[in-house]
C-alpha atoms as a PDB file:
ATOM      1  CA  MET A   1     197.561  53.808 216.714  1.00  0.00           C
ATOM      2  CA  ARG A   2     199.332  55.857 214.486  1.00  0.00           C
ATOM      3  CA  ILE A   3     197.242  58.294 212.087  1.00  0.00           C
ATOM      4  CA  ARG A   4     198.862  59.850 209.185  1.00  0.00           C
ATOM      5  CA  PHE A   5     197.952  62.297 206.338  1.00  0.00           C
ATOM      6  CA  LEU A   6     199.525  62.356 202.995  1.00  0.00           C
ATOM      7  CA  GLU A   7     201.047  65.504 202.003  1.00  0.00           C
ATOM      8  CA  ILE A   8     198.107  65.951 199.492  1.00  0.00           C
ATOM      9  CA  ALA A   9     195.724  65.583 202.015  1.00  0.00           C
ATOM     10  CA  GLU A  10     197.245  68.017 204.534  1.00  0.00           C
ATOM     11  CA  ILE A  11     197.341  70.614 201.588  1.00  0.00           C
ATOM     12  CA  GLU A  12     193.665  69.916 200.889  1.00  0.00           C
ATOM     13  CA  LEU A  13     192.821  70.332 204.457  1.00  0.00           C
ATOM     14  CA  ASP A  14     194.721  73.670 204.726  1.00  0.00           C
ATOM     15  CA  GLU A  15     192.885  74.945 201.641  1.00  0.00           C
ATOM     16  CA  ALA A  16     189.593  73.879 203.094  1.00  0.00           C
ATOM     17  CA  ILE A  17     190.073  75.568 206.371  1.00  0.00           C
ATOM     18  CA  GLY A  18     191.091  78.682 204.489  1.00  0.00           C
ATOM     19  CA  TYR A  19     187.937  78.495 202.176  1.00  0.00           C
ATOM     20  CA  TYR A  20     185.698  78.202 205.126  1.00  0.00           C
ATOM     21  CA  ASN A  21     187.411  80.979 207.161  1.00  0.00           C
ATOM     22  CA  TYR A  22     186.966  82.969 203.810  1.00  0.00           C
ATOM     23  CA  GLU A  23     183.237  82.180 203.673  1.00  0.00           C
ATOM     24  CA  ALA A  24     182.745  82.961 207.259  1.00  0.00           C
ATOM     25  CA  PRO A  25     185.234  84.066 210.017  1.00  0.00           C
ATOM     26  CA  GLY A  26     185.882  81.357 212.271  1.00  0.00           C
ATOM     27  CA  LEU A  27     184.227  78.545 210.410  1.00  0.00           C
ATOM     28  CA  GLY A  28     187.447  77.135 209.007  1.00  0.00           C
ATOM     29  CA  ASP A  29     188.782  76.989 212.734  1.00  0.00           C
ATOM     30  CA  ALA A  30     185.607  75.094 213.775  1.00  0.00           C
ATOM     31  CA  PHE A  31     185.938  72.712 210.809  1.00  0.00           C
ATOM     32  CA  LEU A  32     189.524  71.880 211.970  1.00  0.00           C
ATOM     33  CA  THR A  33     188.421  71.481 215.557  1.00  0.00           C
ATOM     34  CA  GLU A  34     185.852  68.666 214.062  1.00  0.00           C
ATOM     35  CA  VAL A  35     188.565  67.170 212.010  1.00  0.00           C
ATOM     36  CA  LEU A  36     190.958  66.857 215.082  1.00  0.00           C
ATOM     37  CA  ASP A  37     188.051  65.658 217.523  1.00  0.00           C
ATOM     38  CA  THR A  38     187.322  63.025 214.553  1.00  0.00           C
ATOM     39  CA  LEU A  39     190.921  61.892 214.569  1.00  0.00           C
ATOM     40  CA  ASP A  40     190.900  61.562 218.399  1.00  0.00           C
ATOM     41  CA  ARG A  41     187.927  59.472 218.117  1.00  0.00           C
ATOM     42  CA  ILE A  42     189.741  57.311 215.499  1.00  0.00           C
ATOM     43  CA  GLY A  43     192.737  57.044 217.829  1.00  0.00           C
ATOM     44  CA  LYS A  44     190.871  55.977 220.699  1.00  0.00           C
ATOM     45  CA  PHE A  45     188.324  53.500 218.910  1.00  0.00           C
ATOM     46  CA  PRO A  46     190.190  52.302 215.863  1.00  0.00           C
ATOM     47  CA  GLU A  47     188.207  49.246 215.562  1.00  0.00           C
ATOM     48  CA  ALA A  48     184.939  51.130 215.525  1.00  0.00           C
ATOM     49  CA  TRP A  49     184.851  51.117 211.671  1.00  0.00           C
ATOM     50  CA  HIS A  50     184.707  48.929 208.879  1.00  0.00           C
ATOM     51  CA  PRO A  51     187.836  47.672 207.337  1.00  0.00           C
ATOM     52  CA  CYS A  52     188.509  48.863 203.920  1.00  0.00           C
ATOM     53  CA  SER A  53     192.062  46.746 203.583  1.00  0.00           C
ATOM     54  CA  LYS A  54     194.129  44.927 206.141  1.00  0.00           C
ATOM     55  CA  ARG A  55     195.791  48.361 207.019  1.00  0.00           C
ATOM     56  CA  THR A  56     192.859  50.995 206.508  1.00  0.00           C
ATOM     57  CA  ARG A  57     189.503  51.406 208.123  1.00  0.00           C
END
């Protein structure tokens, strides 16, 4: 399964990581770990969520 981020979503993720790390050192890194873990679960179980359209869940 191919998972991709739009460029604007990548920018938003980077900004969120920076914000959380500013608020509490390491928090942004923990947030990124959760995002990556979630993407891994989506890749392993792509049918686990309700469809939004023919190409997205």
